[in-house]
Amino acid sequence: MDIVFLRQLRIETVIGIYDWEKAIKQPVMLDVEMASDNAKAAASDRIEDALDYKAISKRLKQFVGDAQFELVETLAERCAAIIRDEFGVPWVRITLDKIGAVTDAAGVGVVIERGERPA
């Protein structure tokens, strides 16, 4: 199995359980790992044969930027579903960091894996 990844994709979104959080946008950071068989793309050197990380990045920025959730768990789950359903990815691992949510912490959030990790 090969892995295509996005690191530190920063997106502003409405996220949080408190009333003041529901009135502002806050940054979240996404790290995404996706299972992909890169052999065909490597042989052809064509984007049509690859998992297009730019298209995935653009879709996540649109979705997360327009979203409004209370929990990072919900946001991570929805991002995983988009990647799997819309881009045909069999396995995804997402680290979602709600930057600045806890004073004196470098980051807080969740790590989820969805799908079957190919061998």
C-alpha atoms as a PDB file:
ATOM      1  CA  MET A   1       0.000   0.000   0.000  1.00  0.00           C
ATOM      2  CA  ASP A   2       1.126   3.518  -0.786  1.00  0.00           C
ATOM      3  CA  ILE A   3       0.086   6.611   1.121  1.00  0.00           C
ATOM      4  CA  VAL A   4      -0.730  10.042  -0.272  1.00  0.00           C
ATOM      5  CA  PHE A   5      -0.745  12.731   2.390  1.00  0.00           C
ATOM      6  CA  LEU A   6      -1.642  16.329   3.182  1.00  0.00           C
ATOM      7  CA  ARG A   7       0.147  17.984   6.091  1.00  0.00           C
ATOM      8  CA  GLN A   8      -0.934  21.002   8.115  1.00  0.00           C
ATOM      9  CA  LEU A   9      -3.874  22.030   5.954  1.00  0.00           C
ATOM     10  CA  ARG A  10      -5.071  25.082   7.870  1.00  0.00           C
ATOM     11  CA  ILE A  11      -8.724  26.071   7.493  1.00  0.00           C
ATOM     12  CA  GLU A  12     -10.885  28.614   9.326  1.00  0.00           C
ATOM     13  CA  THR A  13     -14.241  27.228  10.462  1.00  0.00           C
ATOM     14  CA  VAL A  14     -17.003  27.584  13.036  1.00  0.00           C
ATOM     15  CA  ILE A  15     -16.328  24.916  15.654  1.00  0.00           C
ATOM     16  CA  GLY A  16     -17.154  24.688  19.340  1.00  0.00           C
ATOM     17  CA  ILE A  17     -19.730  24.116  22.030  1.00  0.00           C
ATOM     18  CA  TYR A  18     -19.815  27.598  23.540  1.00  0.00           C
ATOM     19  CA  ASP A  19     -22.021  30.409  22.247  1.00  0.00           C
ATOM     20  CA  TRP A  20     -19.024  32.684  21.615  1.00  0.00           C
ATOM     21  CA  GLU A  21     -17.403  29.933  19.504  1.00  0.00           C
ATOM     22  CA  LYS A  22     -20.511  29.641  17.368  1.00  0.00           C
ATOM     23  CA  ALA A  23     -20.191  33.319  16.425  1.00  0.00           C
ATOM     24  CA  ILE A  24     -16.589  33.243  15.145  1.00  0.00           C
ATOM     25  CA  LYS A  25     -14.303  31.280  12.870  1.00  0.00           C
ATOM     26  CA  GLN A  26     -11.369  29.458  14.426  1.00  0.00           C
ATOM     27  CA  PRO A  27      -8.451  27.675  12.772  1.00  0.00           C
ATOM     28  CA  VAL A  28      -8.213  23.921  12.549  1.00  0.00           C
ATOM     29  CA  MET A  29      -5.273  21.994  11.129  1.00  0.00           C
ATOM     30  CA  LEU A  30      -5.699  18.758   9.188  1.00  0.00           C
ATOM     31  CA  ASP A  31      -3.149  16.051   8.545  1.00  0.00           C
ATOM     32  CA  VAL A  32      -4.542  13.465   6.139  1.00  0.00           C
ATOM     33  CA  GLU A  33      -3.105  10.097   5.072  1.00  0.00           C
ATOM     34  CA  MET A  34      -4.880   8.178   2.300  1.00  0.00           C
ATOM     35  CA  ALA A  35      -4.311   4.696   0.919  1.00  0.00           C
ATOM     36  CA  SER A  36      -3.517   4.712  -2.773  1.00  0.00           C
ATOM     37  CA  ASP A  37      -1.901   2.419  -5.312  1.00  0.00           C
ATOM     38  CA  ASN A  38       0.568   4.791  -6.925  1.00  0.00           C
ATOM     39  CA  ALA A  39       2.015   2.287  -9.421  1.00  0.00           C
ATOM     40  CA  LYS A  40      -0.210   3.284 -12.348  1.00  0.00           C
ATOM     41  CA  ALA A  41       0.401   7.000 -11.794  1.00  0.00           C
ATOM     42  CA  ALA A  42       4.142   6.442 -11.469  1.00  0.00           C
ATOM     43  CA  ALA A  43       4.198   4.474 -14.729  1.00  0.00           C
ATOM     44  CA  SER A  44       2.073   6.940 -16.738  1.00  0.00           C
ATOM     45  CA  ASP A  45       3.195  10.207 -15.059  1.00  0.00           C
ATOM     46  CA  ARG A  46      -0.400  11.459 -15.502  1.00  0.00           C
ATOM     47  CA  ILE A  47      -2.528  13.157 -12.859  1.00  0.00           C
ATOM     48  CA  GLU A  48      -5.572  11.250 -14.125  1.00  0.00           C
ATOM     49  CA  ASP A  49      -3.977   8.062 -12.779  1.00  0.00           C
ATOM     50  CA  ALA A  50      -3.122   9.554  -9.376  1.00  0.00           C
ATOM     51  CA  LEU A  51      -5.012  10.422  -6.219  1.00  0.00           C
ATOM     52  CA  ASP A  52      -5.297  14.174  -6.783  1.00  0.00           C
ATOM     53  CA  TYR A  53      -4.278  15.730  -3.467  1.00  0.00           C
ATOM     54  CA  LYS A  54      -4.936  19.235  -4.830  1.00  0.00           C
ATOM     55  CA  ALA A  55      -8.565  18.346  -5.619  1.00  0.00           C
ATOM     56  CA  ILE A  56      -8.948  16.744  -2.174  1.00  0.00           C
ATOM     57  CA  SER A  57      -7.419  19.791  -0.496  1.00  0.00           C
ATOM     58  CA  LYS A  58      -9.749  22.127  -2.381  1.00  0.00           C
ATOM     59  CA  ARG A  59     -12.806  20.041  -1.443  1.00  0.00           C
ATOM     60  CA  LEU A  60     -11.831  19.906   2.234  1.00  0.00           C
ATOM     61  CA  LYS A  61     -11.200  23.667   2.341  1.00  0.00           C
ATOM     62  CA  GLN A  62     -14.631  24.312   0.843  1.00  0.00           C
ATOM     63  CA  PHE A  63     -16.434  21.893   3.156  1.00  0.00           C
ATOM     64  CA  VAL A  64     -14.646  22.782   6.402  1.00  0.00           C
ATOM     65  CA  GLY A  65     -14.760  26.511   5.645  1.00  0.00           C
ATOM     66  CA  ASP A  66     -18.536  26.372   5.207  1.00  0.00           C
ATOM     67  CA  ALA A  67     -19.164  23.926   8.081  1.00  0.00           C
ATOM     68  CA  GLN A  68     -20.474  24.600  11.552  1.00  0.00           C
ATOM     69  CA  PHE A  69     -20.069  21.839  14.128  1.00  0.00           C
ATOM     70  CA  GLU A  70     -19.790  21.672  17.887  1.00  0.00           C
ATOM     71  CA  LEU A  71     -17.330  18.765  18.069  1.00  0.00           C
ATOM     72  CA  VAL A  72     -14.024  18.077  16.329  1.00  0.00           C
ATOM     73  CA  GLU A  73     -15.094  14.420  16.288  1.00  0.00           C
ATOM     74  CA  THR A  74     -18.019  15.252  14.013  1.00  0.00           C
ATOM     75  CA  LEU A  75     -15.909  17.404  11.690  1.00  0.00           C
ATOM     76  CA  ALA A  76     -13.221  14.718  11.362  1.00  0.00           C
ATOM     77  CA  GLU A  77     -15.837  12.050  10.646  1.00  0.00           C
ATOM     78  CA  ARG A  78     -17.454  14.130   7.899  1.00  0.00           C
ATOM     79  CA  CYS A  79     -14.067  14.875   6.297  1.00  0.00           C
ATOM     80  CA  ALA A  80     -13.232  11.161   6.264  1.00  0.00           C
ATOM     81  CA  ALA A  81     -16.572  10.387   4.609  1.00  0.00           C
ATOM     82  CA  ILE A  82     -15.952  12.970   1.869  1.00  0.00           C
ATOM     83  CA  ILE A  83     -12.511  11.558   1.111  1.00  0.00           C
ATOM     84  CA  ARG A  84     -13.729   7.949   1.028  1.00  0.00           C
ATOM     85  CA  ASP A  85     -17.015   8.530  -0.795  1.00  0.00           C
ATOM     86  CA  GLU A  86     -16.094  11.242  -3.290  1.00  0.00           C
ATOM     87  CA  PHE A  87     -12.513  10.200  -4.077  1.00  0.00           C
ATOM     88  CA  GLY A  88     -12.792   6.412  -3.748  1.00  0.00           C
ATOM     89  CA  VAL A  89     -10.167   6.135  -1.018  1.00  0.00           C
ATOM     90  CA  PRO A  90     -10.364   2.752   0.772  1.00  0.00           C
ATOM     91  CA  TRP A  91      -8.575   3.911   3.968  1.00  0.00           C
ATOM     92  CA  VAL A  92      -7.990   7.322   5.494  1.00  0.00           C
ATOM     93  CA  ARG A  93      -6.353   8.587   8.672  1.00  0.00           C
ATOM     94  CA  ILE A  94      -7.164  12.138   9.752  1.00  0.00           C
ATOM     95  CA  THR A  95      -5.573  14.149  12.523  1.00  0.00           C
ATOM     96  CA  LEU A  96      -7.704  17.195  13.285  1.00  0.00           C
ATOM     97  CA  ASP A  97      -6.134  19.808  15.563  1.00  0.00           C
ATOM     98  CA  LYS A  98      -8.235  22.631  17.006  1.00  0.00           C
ATOM     99  CA  ILE A  99      -5.455  25.162  17.339  1.00  0.00           C
ATOM    100  CA  GLY A 100      -5.444  27.198  20.543  1.00  0.00           C
ATOM    101  CA  ALA A 101      -8.406  25.424  22.120  1.00  0.00           C
ATOM    102  CA  VAL A 102      -6.573  24.765  25.381  1.00  0.00           C
ATOM    103  CA  THR A 103      -4.239  27.288  26.943  1.00  0.00           C
ATOM    104  CA  ASP A 104      -0.636  26.086  27.165  1.00  0.00           C
ATOM    105  CA  ALA A 105      -1.266  23.122  24.839  1.00  0.00           C
ATOM    106  CA  ALA A 106       0.407  22.955  21.429  1.00  0.00           C
ATOM    107  CA  GLY A 107      -2.715  21.310  20.063  1.00  0.00           C
ATOM    108  CA  VAL A 108      -5.826  19.329  20.880  1.00  0.00           C
ATOM    109  CA  GLY A 109      -8.074  17.232  18.717  1.00  0.00           C
ATOM    110  CA  VAL A 110      -8.691  13.765  17.388  1.00  0.00           C
ATOM    111  CA  VAL A 111      -7.114  11.124  15.208  1.00  0.00           C
ATOM    112  CA  ILE A 112      -9.479   8.828  13.328  1.00  0.00           C
ATOM    113  CA  GLU A 113      -8.991   6.005  10.844  1.00  0.00           C
ATOM    114  CA  ARG A 114     -11.777   4.858   8.582  1.00  0.00           C
ATOM    115  CA  GLY A 115     -11.937   2.000   6.098  1.00  0.00           C
ATOM    116  CA  GLU A 116      -9.800  -1.056   5.622  1.00  0.00           C
ATOM    117  CA  ARG A 117      -6.084  -0.416   5.530  1.00  0.00           C
ATOM    118  CA  PRO A 118      -4.768  -2.389   2.559  1.00  0.00           C
ATOM    119  CA  ALA A 119      -1.779  -4.638   3.090  1.00  0.00           C
END
